[in-house]
């Protein structure tokens, strides 16, 4: 993702997923693309931004906490999470924050 998400006026929510990877890449790129497509179809999804070097950071934006909870409960997403824990991530952290203000150029 190389563009900044066009989010609405706050408040809305951000899910911040920070990770370090293992050396296992088998299936990772395809799964990440599938999850982005699936997330974009979920009610309440607003956008996503991502960057990866030694540390990966993906921020997804959502209208409300119920939408985030629904995304976490999605069965395909749960399968991706399981594979991530087993194969692709050495460590990760998820943070959920309410965006009170945003501005930019």
N, C-alpha and C. Protein backbone atom coordinates (compact mmCIF):
# COMPACT_ATOMS: atom_id res chain seq x y z
N UNK A 1 0.83 -1.17 0.00
CA UNK A 1 0.00 0.00 0.00
C UNK A 1 0.88 1.23 0.00
N UNK A 2 0.74 2.03 -1.00
CA UNK A 2 1.63 3.18 -1.11
C UNK A 2 0.90 4.50 -1.03
N UNK A 3 -0.36 4.49 -0.61
CA UNK A 3 -1.05 5.77 -0.50
C UNK A 3 -1.63 5.93 0.89
N UNK A 4 -1.89 7.16 1.24
CA UNK A 4 -2.48 7.48 2.54
C UNK A 4 -3.98 7.29 2.43
N UNK A 5 -4.57 6.59 3.40
CA UNK A 5 -6.01 6.33 3.39
C UNK A 5 -6.80 7.62 3.53
N UNK A 6 -7.89 7.71 2.79
CA UNK A 6 -8.80 8.85 2.88
C UNK A 6 -9.84 8.53 3.94
N UNK A 7 -9.56 8.92 5.16
CA UNK A 7 -10.45 8.64 6.28
C UNK A 7 -11.44 9.79 6.47
N UNK A 8 -12.58 9.50 7.10
CA UNK A 8 -13.57 10.56 7.35
C UNK A 8 -13.14 11.44 8.52
N UNK A 9 -13.95 12.42 8.82
CA UNK A 9 -13.70 13.23 10.00
C UNK A 9 -13.79 12.34 11.24
N UNK A 10 -12.89 12.54 12.20
CA UNK A 10 -12.95 11.75 13.44
C UNK A 10 -14.26 12.04 14.20
N UNK A 11 -14.62 11.14 15.08
CA UNK A 11 -13.84 10.01 15.55
C UNK A 11 -14.02 8.76 14.67
N UNK A 12 -12.99 7.96 14.63
CA UNK A 12 -13.00 6.62 14.06
C UNK A 12 -11.89 5.86 14.77
N UNK A 13 -11.67 4.62 14.40
CA UNK A 13 -10.72 3.77 15.12
C UNK A 13 -9.59 3.29 14.23
N UNK A 14 -8.44 3.08 14.84
CA UNK A 14 -7.27 2.54 14.15
C UNK A 14 -6.85 1.25 14.85
N UNK A 15 -6.62 0.21 14.06
CA UNK A 15 -6.03 -1.02 14.57
C UNK A 15 -4.59 -1.04 14.07
N UNK A 16 -3.65 -1.01 14.99
CA UNK A 16 -2.23 -0.93 14.66
C UNK A 16 -1.61 -2.30 14.91
N UNK A 17 -1.15 -2.93 13.84
CA UNK A 17 -0.54 -4.26 13.91
C UNK A 17 0.94 -4.11 13.62
N UNK A 18 1.77 -4.34 14.63
CA UNK A 18 3.21 -4.22 14.50
C UNK A 18 3.80 -5.62 14.60
N UNK A 19 4.74 -5.95 13.69
CA UNK A 19 5.23 -7.33 13.68
C UNK A 19 6.68 -7.43 13.23
N UNK A 20 7.30 -8.52 13.67
CA UNK A 20 8.57 -8.97 13.11
C UNK A 20 8.30 -10.33 12.49
N UNK A 21 8.96 -10.62 11.40
CA UNK A 21 8.69 -11.83 10.62
C UNK A 21 9.70 -12.93 10.89
N UNK A 22 9.29 -14.15 10.59
CA UNK A 22 10.21 -15.27 10.54
C UNK A 22 10.79 -15.30 9.13
N UNK A 23 11.61 -16.28 8.84
CA UNK A 23 12.17 -16.40 7.48
C UNK A 23 11.23 -17.15 6.54
N UNK A 24 10.11 -17.67 7.03
CA UNK A 24 9.16 -18.43 6.21
C UNK A 24 8.24 -17.47 5.45
N UNK A 25 8.41 -17.43 4.13
CA UNK A 25 7.57 -16.57 3.28
C UNK A 25 6.50 -17.34 2.53
N UNK A 26 6.51 -18.66 2.59
CA UNK A 26 5.62 -19.49 1.80
C UNK A 26 4.15 -19.15 2.08
N UNK A 27 3.49 -18.58 1.09
CA UNK A 27 2.08 -18.26 1.18
C UNK A 27 1.76 -16.92 1.81
N UNK A 28 2.77 -16.23 2.35
CA UNK A 28 2.51 -14.99 3.09
C UNK A 28 1.95 -13.88 2.19
N UNK A 29 2.57 -13.64 1.06
CA UNK A 29 2.15 -12.53 0.19
C UNK A 29 0.73 -12.74 -0.31
N UNK A 30 0.41 -13.96 -0.71
CA UNK A 30 -0.95 -14.24 -1.17
C UNK A 30 -1.96 -14.07 -0.05
N UNK A 31 -1.63 -14.55 1.14
CA UNK A 31 -2.56 -14.41 2.27
C UNK A 31 -2.76 -12.94 2.62
N UNK A 32 -1.69 -12.16 2.63
CA UNK A 32 -1.81 -10.73 2.94
C UNK A 32 -2.72 -10.04 1.92
N UNK A 33 -2.56 -10.35 0.65
CA UNK A 33 -3.41 -9.76 -0.39
C UNK A 33 -4.87 -10.18 -0.21
N UNK A 34 -5.08 -11.45 0.11
CA UNK A 34 -6.44 -11.94 0.33
C UNK A 34 -7.09 -11.26 1.53
N UNK A 35 -6.31 -11.06 2.60
CA UNK A 35 -6.86 -10.41 3.78
C UNK A 35 -7.21 -8.95 3.51
N UNK A 36 -6.41 -8.27 2.71
CA UNK A 36 -6.72 -6.89 2.36
C UNK A 36 -8.02 -6.82 1.56
N UNK A 37 -8.18 -7.72 0.60
CA UNK A 37 -9.41 -7.76 -0.20
C UNK A 37 -10.61 -8.05 0.70
N UNK A 38 -10.47 -9.02 1.58
CA UNK A 38 -11.56 -9.40 2.48
C UNK A 38 -11.90 -8.28 3.45
N UNK A 39 -10.89 -7.65 4.03
CA UNK A 39 -11.12 -6.55 4.98
C UNK A 39 -11.89 -5.42 4.31
N UNK A 40 -11.53 -5.12 3.07
CA UNK A 40 -12.18 -4.02 2.33
C UNK A 40 -13.66 -4.29 2.11
N UNK A 41 -14.08 -5.54 2.20
CA UNK A 41 -15.49 -5.91 2.01
C UNK A 41 -16.27 -5.88 3.32
N UNK A 42 -15.57 -5.69 4.45
CA UNK A 42 -16.22 -5.74 5.75
C UNK A 42 -16.92 -4.41 6.07
N UNK A 43 -18.06 -4.51 6.71
CA UNK A 43 -18.78 -3.34 7.17
C UNK A 43 -17.88 -2.55 8.13
N UNK A 44 -17.82 -1.25 7.94
CA UNK A 44 -17.06 -0.39 8.82
C UNK A 44 -15.60 -0.17 8.44
N UNK A 45 -15.11 -0.87 7.42
CA UNK A 45 -13.72 -0.71 6.99
C UNK A 45 -13.56 0.62 6.28
N UNK A 46 -12.51 1.37 6.64
CA UNK A 46 -12.26 2.69 6.05
C UNK A 46 -11.01 2.75 5.19
N UNK A 47 -10.02 1.90 5.49
CA UNK A 47 -8.77 1.94 4.72
C UNK A 47 -7.65 1.28 5.48
N UNK A 48 -6.48 1.22 4.83
CA UNK A 48 -5.32 0.58 5.45
C UNK A 48 -4.05 1.22 4.91
N UNK A 49 -3.04 1.25 5.76
CA UNK A 49 -1.70 1.73 5.38
C UNK A 49 -0.70 0.74 5.96
N UNK A 50 0.36 0.46 5.22
CA UNK A 50 1.31 -0.55 5.67
C UNK A 50 2.72 -0.24 5.20
N UNK A 51 3.69 -0.60 6.03
CA UNK A 51 5.10 -0.46 5.67
C UNK A 51 5.86 -1.61 6.32
N UNK A 52 6.88 -2.12 5.62
CA UNK A 52 7.66 -3.22 6.19
C UNK A 52 9.12 -3.06 5.84
N UNK A 53 9.92 -3.16 6.87
CA UNK A 53 11.37 -3.36 6.75
C UNK A 53 11.68 -4.42 7.78
N UNK A 54 12.58 -4.18 8.70
CA UNK A 54 12.82 -5.16 9.77
C UNK A 54 11.59 -5.27 10.66
N UNK A 55 10.88 -4.16 10.81
CA UNK A 55 9.65 -4.09 11.59
C UNK A 55 8.51 -3.76 10.63
N UNK A 56 7.42 -4.49 10.70
CA UNK A 56 6.26 -4.19 9.87
C UNK A 56 5.21 -3.49 10.68
N UNK A 57 4.56 -2.50 10.07
CA UNK A 57 3.47 -1.80 10.72
C UNK A 57 2.33 -1.68 9.72
N UNK A 58 1.19 -2.20 10.11
CA UNK A 58 -0.03 -2.07 9.31
C UNK A 58 -1.08 -1.42 10.18
N UNK A 59 -1.68 -0.36 9.66
CA UNK A 59 -2.74 0.34 10.37
C UNK A 59 -4.00 0.25 9.54
N UNK A 60 -5.04 -0.35 10.10
CA UNK A 60 -6.33 -0.37 9.42
C UNK A 60 -7.27 0.56 10.18
N UNK A 61 -8.18 1.17 9.43
CA UNK A 61 -9.09 2.17 10.00
C UNK A 61 -10.52 1.66 9.90
N UNK A 62 -11.28 1.90 10.96
CA UNK A 62 -12.63 1.36 11.10
C UNK A 62 -13.56 2.41 11.69
N UNK A 63 -14.84 2.29 11.36
CA UNK A 63 -15.82 3.25 11.85
C UNK A 63 -16.09 3.11 13.34
N UNK A 64 -16.04 1.86 13.85
CA UNK A 64 -16.43 1.63 15.23
C UNK A 64 -15.82 0.33 15.77
N UNK A 65 -15.93 0.17 17.07
CA UNK A 65 -15.37 -1.02 17.72
C UNK A 65 -16.10 -2.30 17.32
N UNK A 66 -17.40 -2.21 17.06
CA UNK A 66 -18.17 -3.40 16.64
C UNK A 66 -17.64 -3.94 15.31
N UNK A 67 -17.27 -3.06 14.40
CA UNK A 67 -16.72 -3.50 13.10
C UNK A 67 -15.38 -4.20 13.29
N UNK A 68 -14.56 -3.68 14.20
CA UNK A 68 -13.27 -4.31 14.49
C UNK A 68 -13.49 -5.70 15.08
N UNK A 69 -14.43 -5.81 15.98
CA UNK A 69 -14.73 -7.10 16.61
C UNK A 69 -15.23 -8.10 15.56
N UNK A 70 -16.07 -7.63 14.66
CA UNK A 70 -16.58 -8.49 13.59
C UNK A 70 -15.45 -8.96 12.67
N UNK A 71 -14.51 -8.09 12.36
CA UNK A 71 -13.36 -8.45 11.52
C UNK A 71 -12.50 -9.50 12.23
N UNK A 72 -12.25 -9.31 13.51
CA UNK A 72 -11.46 -10.28 14.27
C UNK A 72 -12.13 -11.65 14.28
N UNK A 73 -13.46 -11.68 14.28
CA UNK A 73 -14.20 -12.94 14.34
C UNK A 73 -14.39 -13.60 12.97
N UNK A 74 -14.03 -12.91 11.89
CA UNK A 74 -14.18 -13.48 10.55
C UNK A 74 -13.37 -14.77 10.45
N UNK A 75 -13.99 -15.86 9.99
CA UNK A 75 -13.33 -17.17 9.98
C UNK A 75 -12.09 -17.20 9.10
N UNK A 76 -12.13 -16.57 7.93
CA UNK A 76 -10.94 -16.52 7.07
C UNK A 76 -9.81 -15.74 7.74
N UNK A 77 -10.18 -14.66 8.41
CA UNK A 77 -9.18 -13.86 9.13
C UNK A 77 -8.61 -14.66 10.29
N UNK A 78 -9.45 -15.42 10.98
CA UNK A 78 -8.95 -16.26 12.07
C UNK A 78 -7.94 -17.29 11.57
N UNK A 79 -8.20 -17.86 10.39
CA UNK A 79 -7.26 -18.82 9.81
C UNK A 79 -5.93 -18.14 9.49
N UNK A 80 -5.99 -16.93 8.94
CA UNK A 80 -4.77 -16.18 8.64
C UNK A 80 -4.01 -15.87 9.93
N UNK A 81 -4.73 -15.51 10.99
CA UNK A 81 -4.09 -15.23 12.27
C UNK A 81 -3.37 -16.48 12.79
N UNK A 82 -4.02 -17.61 12.68
CA UNK A 82 -3.42 -18.88 13.14
C UNK A 82 -2.13 -19.18 12.38
N UNK A 83 -2.18 -19.04 11.06
CA UNK A 83 -0.98 -19.28 10.25
C UNK A 83 0.11 -18.27 10.59
N UNK A 84 -0.28 -17.03 10.83
CA UNK A 84 0.68 -16.01 11.22
C UNK A 84 1.42 -16.38 12.49
N UNK A 85 0.66 -16.82 13.49
CA UNK A 85 1.29 -17.22 14.76
C UNK A 85 2.19 -18.44 14.57
N UNK A 86 1.76 -19.38 13.73
CA UNK A 86 2.51 -20.63 13.55
C UNK A 86 3.71 -20.50 12.62
N UNK A 87 3.62 -19.63 11.58
CA UNK A 87 4.63 -19.63 10.52
C UNK A 87 5.32 -18.30 10.28
N UNK A 88 4.57 -17.23 10.19
CA UNK A 88 5.09 -16.01 9.59
C UNK A 88 5.61 -14.95 10.55
N UNK A 89 5.13 -14.95 11.78
CA UNK A 89 5.51 -13.89 12.71
C UNK A 89 6.36 -14.42 13.85
N UNK A 90 7.50 -13.78 14.07
CA UNK A 90 8.34 -14.07 15.24
C UNK A 90 7.75 -13.39 16.47
N UNK A 91 7.16 -12.21 16.26
CA UNK A 91 6.49 -11.47 17.33
C UNK A 91 5.51 -10.49 16.70
N UNK A 92 4.50 -10.12 17.47
CA UNK A 92 3.55 -9.10 16.99
C UNK A 92 2.83 -8.46 18.17
N UNK A 93 2.24 -7.33 17.91
CA UNK A 93 1.44 -6.61 18.90
C UNK A 93 0.30 -5.94 18.16
N UNK A 94 -0.89 -5.99 18.74
CA UNK A 94 -2.06 -5.32 18.19
C UNK A 94 -2.49 -4.24 19.18
N UNK A 95 -2.70 -3.06 18.64
CA UNK A 95 -3.18 -1.94 19.46
C UNK A 95 -4.41 -1.36 18.78
N UNK A 96 -5.40 -1.01 19.56
CA UNK A 96 -6.61 -0.39 19.02
C UNK A 96 -6.74 0.98 19.66
N UNK A 97 -6.90 2.00 18.81
CA UNK A 97 -6.93 3.37 19.31
C UNK A 97 -8.09 4.14 18.67
N UNK A 98 -8.67 5.02 19.42
CA UNK A 98 -9.69 5.92 18.90
C UNK A 98 -8.99 7.16 18.36
N UNK A 99 -9.25 7.49 17.10
CA UNK A 99 -8.67 8.69 16.49
C UNK A 99 -9.58 9.85 16.82
N UNK A 100 -9.04 10.80 17.54
CA UNK A 100 -9.79 11.97 17.97
C UNK A 100 -9.60 13.15 17.02
N UNK A 101 -8.44 13.16 16.35
CA UNK A 101 -8.08 14.29 15.50
C UNK A 101 -7.18 13.78 14.37
N UNK A 102 -7.36 14.33 13.19
CA UNK A 102 -6.39 14.09 12.11
C UNK A 102 -6.29 15.31 11.23
N UNK A 103 -5.14 15.47 10.62
CA UNK A 103 -4.91 16.61 9.72
C UNK A 103 -3.73 16.26 8.84
N UNK A 104 -3.56 16.96 7.75
CA UNK A 104 -2.44 16.67 6.87
C UNK A 104 -2.45 17.53 5.64
N UNK A 105 -1.57 17.19 4.75
CA UNK A 105 -1.40 17.93 3.49
C UNK A 105 -1.79 17.05 2.35
